[in-house]
Amino acid sequence: MIRILTTILILLTYLQAVAQDISYPGLGKGVNIMAKDSTASIKINVRMQNLLEVDYNDFSNETDTRLLVRRWRLKFGGYAISPDLRYKLELGFSNRDQGNSATGAFGNSGSNIILDAVVKYYLFEDFDIWFGQTKLPGNRERVISSGDLQFVDRSLLNSNLNIDRDAGIQLRYKFGNDFVVKPIFSVSLGEGRNITVNNAGGFAYTYRTELLPFGDFDDYVSSAHKMYDEHKLAIGGTFSFNEGTNRQGGQIGSFIYDTSGSLINNDMTSYFLDLHYKYKGVSLMIEAAKKEVNKLIPNLEKKFRTGESINIQLGYLFDNYWELAGRYSYVRPDNIESDIDELGEYTIGISKYLSNHKLKIQSDFSYFELFDNLDNELIRYRFQVELQL
């Protein structure tokens, strides 16, 4: 990490020497640097989330307390040669971001620092081509930035069934003004981020369509900060087929072996439906997900993550930028061979936005139903401060 930070400092020193304009417009808007000949630009953002979490297990009568850096991110964006050729690089330095054990030898046993490294090109108006590693067009909650969430973190649906990041190509189109349609198609390797070995299975094919019947809006930002006087609605659906995946959740989770030590391939299909609605201070998001594999394979060291889930969250943002929100999430495995547990989550969240999502204080209180053991209940309290520069 020291080498990476040293390299970044050298880069910033060089950019300052060749730039014609360096500006910092305000909190959360990053440092903007423009080349002297205007052929390139770079925007640099830093953000962190510091989290306090207290869990109480009613069955064991134990309380666990953690205080950690949940996220510490460094993000670069801008264009090169032309504003039509853009890029995004995002690095994650916290231990929770890196997850080294998941990729292991498949990621050359290196630190799993790179989150996004993608080049974007407007082939023509409203038709975009992305190449590199970034989030797949899966469930809406996953694609929403962790810095723009309504609660301290994402739901059970996302943690169990999302398709996350992958390396590949995405084609994105948008048409319409009053009624907007956004189709997205992706072909990716299917093994997730920062994999360095040859593709052991097939490819992942993902298609998503979004309908915005009342026009475009900030549908990938939680909460209703813009206080729309007109109703705003986004409806999305995703189908993803991961051919011959080797990991528990397709792009995430541990790699799966049988008891003889052979790497396992299995076809995995994921379905997502979601709705996002905003009106004045009200925001509503509903998601449903289902993930399944083609065949049940005996004698595995680990199981695939398959099942179905629903997530519903409703919030109201007051004029003083306090927000009260509630969430219900439920996840259920589809068979006894699934690696997920049947869970229900009830959450109440209270947030204070000091500068929208750029500087905010969030807390939430959750009660979990553990259906496999009715005598086992979990209560969780979280408090988080987020700062984006």
Protein backbone atom coordinates (compact mmCIF):
# COMPACT_ATOMS: atom_id res chain seq x y z
CA MET A 1 0.00 0.00 0.00
CA ILE A 2 2.92 2.35 0.75
CA ARG A 3 4.16 1.89 -2.82
CA ILE A 4 0.73 2.70 -4.19
CA LEU A 5 0.40 5.87 -2.13
CA THR A 6 3.92 6.94 -3.11
CA THR A 7 3.07 6.41 -6.78
CA ILE A 8 -0.09 8.50 -6.36
CA LEU A 9 1.85 11.35 -4.76
CA ILE A 10 4.37 11.32 -7.62
CA LEU A 11 1.48 11.34 -10.11
CA LEU A 12 -0.15 14.30 -8.39
CA THR A 13 3.14 16.22 -8.43
CA TYR A 14 3.48 15.56 -12.17
CA LEU A 15 -0.12 16.58 -12.86
CA GLN A 16 0.36 19.83 -11.01
CA ALA A 17 3.36 20.59 -13.26
CA VAL A 18 1.52 19.95 -16.54
CA ALA A 19 -1.92 21.29 -15.59
CA GLN A 20 -3.40 24.60 -16.64
CA ASP A 21 -6.14 24.60 -14.02
CA ILE A 22 -6.56 22.95 -10.62
CA SER A 23 -9.75 23.55 -8.68
CA TYR A 24 -11.64 22.26 -5.68
CA PRO A 25 -15.27 23.34 -6.21
CA GLY A 26 -16.50 22.21 -2.81
CA LEU A 27 -17.04 19.41 -0.34
CA GLY A 28 -17.52 16.07 -2.05
CA LYS A 29 -16.79 17.40 -5.54
CA GLY A 30 -13.15 16.31 -5.63
CA VAL A 31 -10.01 17.97 -6.91
CA ASN A 32 -10.34 18.76 -10.63
CA ILE A 33 -7.26 19.01 -12.84
CA MET A 34 -7.27 20.08 -16.50
CA ALA A 35 -4.30 19.57 -18.85
CA LYS A 36 -2.73 22.68 -20.38
CA ASP A 37 -3.85 21.64 -23.88
CA SER A 38 -7.31 20.54 -22.62
CA THR A 39 -6.80 17.03 -24.04
CA ALA A 40 -7.23 15.33 -20.68
CA SER A 41 -8.79 15.87 -17.28
CA ILE A 42 -8.69 14.10 -13.95
CA LYS A 43 -10.95 14.30 -10.93
CA ILE A 44 -9.76 12.89 -7.60
CA ASN A 45 -12.13 11.94 -4.77
CA VAL A 46 -11.38 10.53 -1.34
CA ARG A 47 -14.00 9.12 0.98
CA MET A 48 -14.18 7.13 4.18
CA GLN A 49 -16.77 5.43 6.36
CA ASN A 50 -16.05 4.83 10.04
CA LEU A 51 -18.41 2.31 11.59
CA LEU A 52 -19.39 1.30 15.12
CA GLU A 53 -21.39 -1.95 15.29
CA VAL A 54 -22.89 -3.65 18.35
CA ASP A 55 -24.53 -7.09 18.00
CA TYR A 56 -26.53 -8.87 20.71
CA ASN A 57 -27.27 -12.61 20.39
CA ASP A 58 -30.26 -13.55 22.50
CA PHE A 59 -29.50 -17.30 22.33
CA SER A 60 -25.93 -17.06 23.64
CA ASN A 61 -26.59 -13.87 25.65
CA GLU A 62 -23.40 -12.38 24.17
CA THR A 63 -22.66 -8.86 22.93
CA ASP A 64 -20.04 -8.18 20.27
CA THR A 65 -18.69 -4.67 19.59
CA ARG A 66 -16.60 -3.54 16.63
CA LEU A 67 -15.20 -0.20 15.58
CA LEU A 68 -13.65 -0.27 12.12
CA VAL A 69 -12.91 1.61 8.94
CA ARG A 70 -15.72 0.14 6.84
CA ARG A 71 -14.55 1.80 3.62
CA TRP A 72 -11.62 3.98 2.60
CA ARG A 73 -11.76 4.74 -1.11
CA LEU A 74 -9.70 6.69 -3.61
CA LYS A 75 -11.40 7.42 -6.93
CA PHE A 76 -10.10 8.90 -10.20
CA GLY A 77 -12.21 9.92 -13.18
CA GLY A 78 -12.08 12.17 -16.21
CA TYR A 79 -11.42 12.00 -19.95
CA ALA A 80 -8.51 11.55 -22.34
CA ILE A 81 -8.14 13.03 -25.86
CA SER A 82 -11.87 13.77 -26.05
CA PRO A 83 -14.76 14.10 -23.56
CA ASP A 84 -16.26 11.10 -25.36
CA LEU A 85 -13.44 8.89 -24.02
CA ARG A 86 -13.81 8.68 -20.26
CA TYR A 87 -12.39 6.51 -17.51
CA LYS A 88 -12.95 5.53 -13.89
CA LEU A 89 -10.49 4.03 -11.44
CA GLU A 90 -11.56 3.27 -7.87
CA LEU A 91 -9.32 1.75 -5.22
CA GLY A 92 -10.37 0.30 -1.87
CA PHE A 93 -7.84 0.29 0.98
CA SER A 94 -9.84 -0.98 3.97
CA ASN A 95 -9.59 -4.66 4.90
CA ARG A 96 -13.33 -5.10 4.32
CA ASP A 97 -12.94 -3.79 0.76
CA GLN A 98 -10.16 -6.14 -0.23
CA GLY A 99 -11.36 -9.61 0.74
CA ASN A 100 -8.08 -11.35 -0.12
CA SER A 101 -9.21 -14.81 0.95
CA ALA A 102 -11.91 -14.96 -1.72
CA THR A 103 -9.62 -14.77 -4.74
CA GLY A 104 -6.48 -16.40 -3.29
CA ALA A 105 -4.29 -17.96 -5.94
CA PHE A 106 -6.87 -17.02 -8.61
CA GLY A 107 -5.92 -13.38 -7.98
CA ASN A 108 -2.19 -14.12 -7.82
CA SER A 109 -2.48 -13.94 -3.99
CA GLY A 110 -2.24 -10.15 -4.23
CA SER A 111 -4.14 -7.44 -2.42
CA ASN A 112 -7.61 -7.08 -3.89
CA ILE A 113 -7.39 -3.28 -4.04
CA ILE A 114 -8.82 -2.44 -7.47
CA LEU A 115 -12.58 -2.03 -7.43
CA ASP A 116 -13.17 -0.32 -10.78
CA ALA A 117 -10.83 0.12 -13.72
CA VAL A 118 -12.99 0.88 -16.75
CA VAL A 119 -12.78 2.92 -19.95
CA LYS A 120 -16.02 4.39 -21.36
CA TYR A 121 -16.53 5.59 -24.92
CA TYR A 122 -19.53 7.33 -26.49
CA LEU A 123 -19.68 5.68 -29.91
CA PHE A 124 -22.49 8.07 -30.76
CA GLU A 125 -25.08 10.04 -28.81
CA ASP A 126 -26.58 8.02 -25.95
CA PHE A 127 -24.73 4.83 -26.96
CA ASP A 128 -21.93 3.98 -24.57
CA ILE A 129 -19.31 1.19 -24.63
CA TRP A 130 -17.56 0.23 -21.39
CA PHE A 131 -14.44 -1.95 -21.28
CA GLY A 132 -12.73 -3.15 -18.12
CA GLN A 133 -13.67 -4.07 -14.57
CA THR A 134 -16.70 -2.51 -12.91
CA LYS A 135 -20.12 -3.30 -11.45
CA LEU A 136 -22.42 -5.42 -13.57
CA PRO A 137 -25.93 -4.04 -14.26
CA GLY A 138 -27.51 -6.21 -11.56
CA ASN A 139 -29.79 -5.28 -8.67
CA ARG A 140 -30.28 -1.55 -8.19
CA GLU A 141 -29.13 -1.47 -4.58
CA ARG A 142 -25.76 -2.97 -5.56
CA VAL A 143 -25.18 -0.47 -8.37
CA ILE A 144 -26.01 2.47 -6.10
CA SER A 145 -22.70 3.68 -4.69
CA SER A 146 -21.99 2.73 -1.08
CA GLY A 147 -21.58 6.48 -0.52
CA ASP A 148 -25.18 7.16 -1.61
CA LEU A 149 -27.02 4.60 0.53
CA GLN A 150 -30.06 5.35 2.66
CA PHE A 151 -28.93 3.02 5.45
CA VAL A 152 -25.54 2.26 6.98
CA ASP A 153 -25.08 -0.59 4.51
CA ARG A 154 -26.94 -2.70 1.96
CA SER A 155 -29.62 -5.31 2.64
CA LEU A 156 -29.75 -9.10 3.02
CA LEU A 157 -30.81 -9.36 -0.62
CA ASN A 158 -27.62 -7.75 -1.78
CA SER A 159 -25.24 -9.53 0.59
CA ASN A 160 -26.59 -12.95 -0.39
CA LEU A 161 -27.61 -12.79 -4.06
CA ASN A 162 -25.97 -9.88 -5.93
CA ILE A 163 -23.72 -10.39 -9.00
CA ASP A 164 -21.25 -7.65 -8.06
CA ARG A 165 -18.23 -6.61 -10.16
CA ASP A 166 -16.70 -8.41 -13.13
CA ALA A 167 -14.31 -7.79 -16.02
CA GLY A 168 -15.75 -7.50 -19.52
CA ILE A 169 -17.64 -5.30 -21.98
CA GLN A 170 -20.89 -3.41 -21.45
CA LEU A 171 -23.09 -1.81 -24.11
CA ARG A 172 -25.42 0.90 -22.80
CA TYR A 173 -28.08 2.83 -24.68
CA LYS A 174 -30.66 5.41 -23.75
CA PHE A 175 -33.59 6.75 -25.75
CA GLY A 176 -36.61 8.90 -25.04
CA ASN A 177 -37.13 12.10 -23.04
CA ASP A 178 -40.54 12.07 -21.38
CA PHE A 179 -40.50 8.26 -21.28
CA VAL A 180 -36.93 7.02 -20.97
CA VAL A 181 -35.75 3.50 -21.79
CA LYS A 182 -32.25 2.26 -20.91
CA PRO A 183 -31.19 -1.17 -22.21
CA ILE A 184 -27.83 -2.55 -21.03
CA PHE A 185 -26.01 -5.68 -22.22
CA SER A 186 -22.83 -7.12 -20.73
CA VAL A 187 -20.44 -9.97 -21.56
CA SER A 188 -17.94 -10.66 -18.78
CA LEU A 189 -15.59 -13.39 -17.59
CA GLY A 190 -17.92 -14.48 -14.80
CA GLU A 191 -15.36 -15.00 -12.02
CA GLY A 192 -15.44 -11.54 -10.44
CA ARG A 193 -12.85 -8.83 -9.93
CA ASN A 194 -9.06 -9.03 -10.04
CA ILE A 195 -8.82 -12.61 -11.34
CA THR A 196 -5.47 -13.26 -13.05
CA VAL A 197 -5.71 -16.93 -14.13
CA ASN A 198 -7.27 -18.27 -17.32
CA ASN A 199 -11.06 -18.37 -17.46
CA ALA A 200 -11.87 -21.78 -15.97
CA GLY A 201 -15.56 -21.75 -16.89
CA GLY A 202 -17.60 -19.93 -19.51
CA PHE A 203 -18.67 -16.31 -19.77
CA ALA A 204 -21.40 -14.37 -17.94
CA TYR A 205 -24.13 -12.73 -20.02
CA THR A 206 -26.17 -10.00 -18.36
CA TYR A 207 -29.07 -8.00 -19.79
CA ARG A 208 -30.93 -5.23 -18.01
CA THR A 209 -33.72 -2.87 -19.08
CA GLU A 210 -34.82 0.22 -17.19
CA LEU A 211 -38.04 2.16 -17.76
CA LEU A 212 -38.48 5.72 -16.47
CA PRO A 213 -42.07 6.69 -17.40
CA PHE A 214 -41.84 10.24 -15.97
CA GLY A 215 -38.41 11.12 -17.32
CA ASP A 216 -34.86 10.83 -16.09
CA PHE A 217 -33.85 11.54 -12.48
CA ASP A 218 -31.27 10.55 -9.87
CA ASP A 219 -32.61 7.00 -9.57
CA TYR A 220 -29.19 5.66 -8.49
CA VAL A 221 -29.05 7.87 -5.40
CA SER A 222 -30.95 6.82 -2.27
CA SER A 223 -33.15 9.31 -0.39
CA ALA A 224 -35.07 12.22 -1.91
CA HIS A 225 -32.59 15.08 -1.62
CA LYS A 226 -33.80 16.87 -4.75
CA MET A 227 -37.39 17.08 -3.46
CA TYR A 228 -39.12 16.54 -6.82
CA ASP A 229 -42.48 18.26 -7.19
CA GLU A 230 -43.45 15.68 -9.82
CA HIS A 231 -43.62 11.94 -9.33
CA LYS A 232 -40.47 10.09 -10.43
CA LEU A 233 -40.32 6.36 -11.06
CA ALA A 234 -37.75 3.87 -12.34
CA ILE A 235 -38.51 0.20 -13.01
CA GLY A 236 -35.71 -2.23 -13.82
CA GLY A 237 -35.27 -5.90 -14.61
CA THR A 238 -32.09 -7.97 -15.00
CA PHE A 239 -31.36 -11.46 -16.31
CA SER A 240 -27.86 -12.87 -15.89
CA PHE A 241 -26.53 -16.26 -17.00
CA ASN A 242 -23.10 -17.29 -15.70
CA GLU A 243 -21.88 -20.29 -17.67
CA GLY A 244 -19.73 -22.76 -15.75
CA THR A 245 -19.06 -20.56 -12.73
CA ASN A 246 -16.58 -21.77 -10.10
CA ARG A 247 -17.59 -19.50 -7.21
CA GLN A 248 -20.39 -19.71 -4.66
CA GLY A 249 -22.25 -16.64 -5.91
CA GLY A 250 -20.99 -16.52 -9.49
CA GLN A 251 -18.74 -13.46 -9.25
CA ILE A 252 -18.39 -13.55 -5.44
CA GLY A 253 -17.72 -16.01 -2.66
CA SER A 254 -15.19 -18.81 -2.31
CA PHE A 255 -14.12 -21.03 -5.19
CA ILE A 256 -15.82 -24.42 -4.97
CA TYR A 257 -14.06 -27.80 -4.97
CA ASP A 258 -15.36 -31.31 -4.45
CA THR A 259 -13.95 -33.55 -1.75
CA SER A 260 -11.36 -34.96 -4.19
CA GLY A 261 -9.92 -31.46 -4.74
CA SER A 262 -11.31 -30.85 -8.26
CA LEU A 263 -12.60 -27.37 -9.17
CA ILE A 264 -16.34 -27.44 -9.86
CA ASN A 265 -18.20 -25.75 -12.75
CA ASN A 266 -21.92 -25.04 -12.64
CA ASP A 267 -24.27 -22.83 -14.65
CA MET A 268 -25.87 -20.10 -12.53
CA THR A 269 -28.86 -17.90 -13.42
CA SER A 270 -29.85 -14.71 -11.61
CA TYR A 271 -33.04 -12.66 -11.89
CA PHE A 272 -33.67 -9.18 -10.46
CA LEU A 273 -36.68 -6.85 -10.48
CA ASP A 274 -36.68 -3.44 -8.83
CA LEU A 275 -38.64 -0.22 -8.47
CA HIS A 276 -37.45 3.18 -7.28
CA TYR A 277 -39.92 6.00 -6.61
CA LYS A 278 -39.41 9.58 -5.41
CA TYR A 279 -41.79 12.42 -4.69
CA LYS A 280 -40.91 15.46 -2.58
CA GLY A 281 -39.34 13.99 0.59
CA VAL A 282 -40.57 10.45 0.00
CA SER A 283 -38.40 7.67 -1.42
CA LEU A 284 -39.42 4.06 -1.96
CA MET A 285 -37.34 1.17 -3.28
CA ILE A 286 -38.53 -2.41 -3.78
CA GLU A 287 -36.34 -5.24 -5.04
CA ALA A 288 -36.81 -8.96 -5.67
CA ALA A 289 -34.08 -11.45 -6.55
CA LYS A 290 -33.71 -15.12 -7.39
CA LYS A 291 -30.55 -17.14 -8.04
CA GLU A 292 -30.33 -20.80 -9.06
CA VAL A 293 -27.84 -23.32 -10.42
CA ASN A 294 -28.30 -25.81 -13.21
CA LYS A 295 -27.52 -28.95 -11.19
CA LEU A 296 -27.03 -30.15 -7.63
CA ILE A 297 -23.57 -31.62 -7.20
CA PRO A 298 -22.82 -33.90 -4.22
CA ASN A 299 -19.66 -34.07 -2.12
CA LEU A 300 -18.72 -30.38 -2.27
CA GLU A 301 -16.49 -28.64 0.26
CA LYS A 302 -18.67 -25.51 -0.01
CA LYS A 303 -22.16 -24.88 -1.35
CA PHE A 304 -23.49 -22.47 -3.98
CA ARG A 305 -25.44 -19.40 -2.82
CA THR A 306 -28.89 -19.91 -4.31
CA GLY A 307 -32.34 -18.80 -3.25
CA GLU A 308 -34.70 -15.87 -3.42
CA SER A 309 -35.07 -12.58 -1.60
CA ILE A 310 -37.10 -9.41 -1.33
CA ASN A 311 -36.13 -5.98 0.01
CA ILE A 312 -38.49 -3.06 0.71
CA GLN A 313 -37.36 0.29 2.07
CA LEU A 314 -39.23 3.54 2.59
CA GLY A 315 -37.85 6.85 3.77
CA TYR A 316 -38.93 10.41 4.40
CA LEU A 317 -36.48 13.31 4.29
CA PHE A 318 -37.52 16.32 6.38
CA ASP A 319 -36.76 19.92 5.42
CA ASN A 320 -33.95 20.05 8.00
CA TYR A 321 -32.27 17.05 6.27
CA TRP A 322 -32.99 14.55 8.98
CA GLU A 323 -34.33 11.33 7.49
CA LEU A 324 -36.36 8.53 9.01
CA ALA A 325 -36.39 5.26 7.05
CA GLY A 326 -37.56 1.69 7.47
CA ARG A 327 -36.50 -1.50 5.72
CA TYR A 328 -37.70 -5.10 5.57
CA SER A 329 -35.56 -7.78 3.93
CA TYR A 330 -36.17 -11.49 3.63
CA VAL A 331 -33.95 -14.17 2.10
CA ARG A 332 -34.74 -17.87 1.67
CA PRO A 333 -32.56 -20.70 0.27
CA ASP A 334 -34.08 -22.68 -2.58
CA ASN A 335 -32.94 -26.09 -1.27
CA ILE A 336 -30.87 -27.71 1.48
CA GLU A 337 -27.78 -27.48 -0.74
CA SER A 338 -27.73 -23.66 -0.60
CA ASP A 339 -25.10 -21.77 1.41
CA ILE A 340 -27.53 -19.08 2.59
CA ASP A 341 -29.77 -19.15 5.66
CA GLU A 342 -33.42 -18.22 5.88
CA LEU A 343 -33.44 -14.77 7.46
CA GLY A 344 -35.71 -11.81 7.98
CA GLU A 345 -34.47 -8.32 8.82
CA TYR A 346 -36.42 -5.35 10.22
CA THR A 347 -34.46 -2.09 10.27
CA ILE A 348 -35.16 1.47 11.38
CA GLY A 349 -32.66 4.08 10.25
CA ILE A 350 -32.09 7.69 11.29
CA SER A 351 -29.73 9.86 9.25
CA LYS A 352 -28.55 13.46 9.39
CA TYR A 353 -27.26 14.82 6.09
CA LEU A 354 -24.89 17.70 6.73
CA SER A 355 -24.00 18.00 3.03
CA ASN A 356 -26.27 15.53 1.22
CA HIS A 357 -24.45 12.17 0.98
CA LYS A 358 -21.03 13.86 1.05
CA LEU A 359 -21.02 14.38 4.80
CA LYS A 360 -23.56 12.46 6.80
CA ILE A 361 -24.17 10.69 10.10
CA GLN A 362 -26.21 7.49 9.92
CA SER A 363 -27.47 5.05 12.49
CA ASP A 364 -29.78 2.07 12.27
CA PHE A 365 -31.30 -0.50 14.58
CA SER A 366 -32.07 -4.00 13.23
CA TYR A 367 -33.87 -7.10 14.46
CA PHE A 368 -33.14 -10.38 12.68
CA GLU A 369 -35.43 -13.41 12.53
CA LEU A 370 -33.38 -16.61 12.25
CA PHE A 371 -35.89 -19.12 10.93
CA ASP A 372 -33.59 -22.15 11.26
CA ASN A 373 -33.53 -21.61 15.01
CA LEU A 374 -36.56 -19.84 16.43
CA ASP A 375 -34.85 -19.44 19.81
CA ASN A 376 -31.93 -17.56 18.26
CA GLU A 377 -32.47 -13.84 17.73
CA LEU A 378 -30.00 -11.16 16.76
CA ILE A 379 -30.26 -7.45 17.52
CA ARG A 380 -27.85 -5.01 15.88
CA TYR A 381 -27.09 -1.32 16.31
CA ARG A 382 -24.83 0.58 13.90
CA PHE A 383 -23.50 4.13 13.87
CA GLN A 384 -21.52 5.45 10.92
CA VAL A 385 -19.93 8.70 9.80
CA GLU A 386 -19.20 9.26 6.12
CA LEU A 387 -17.00 11.97 4.67
CA GLN A 388 -16.35 12.54 0.95
CA LEU A 389 -13.80 15.12 -0.14
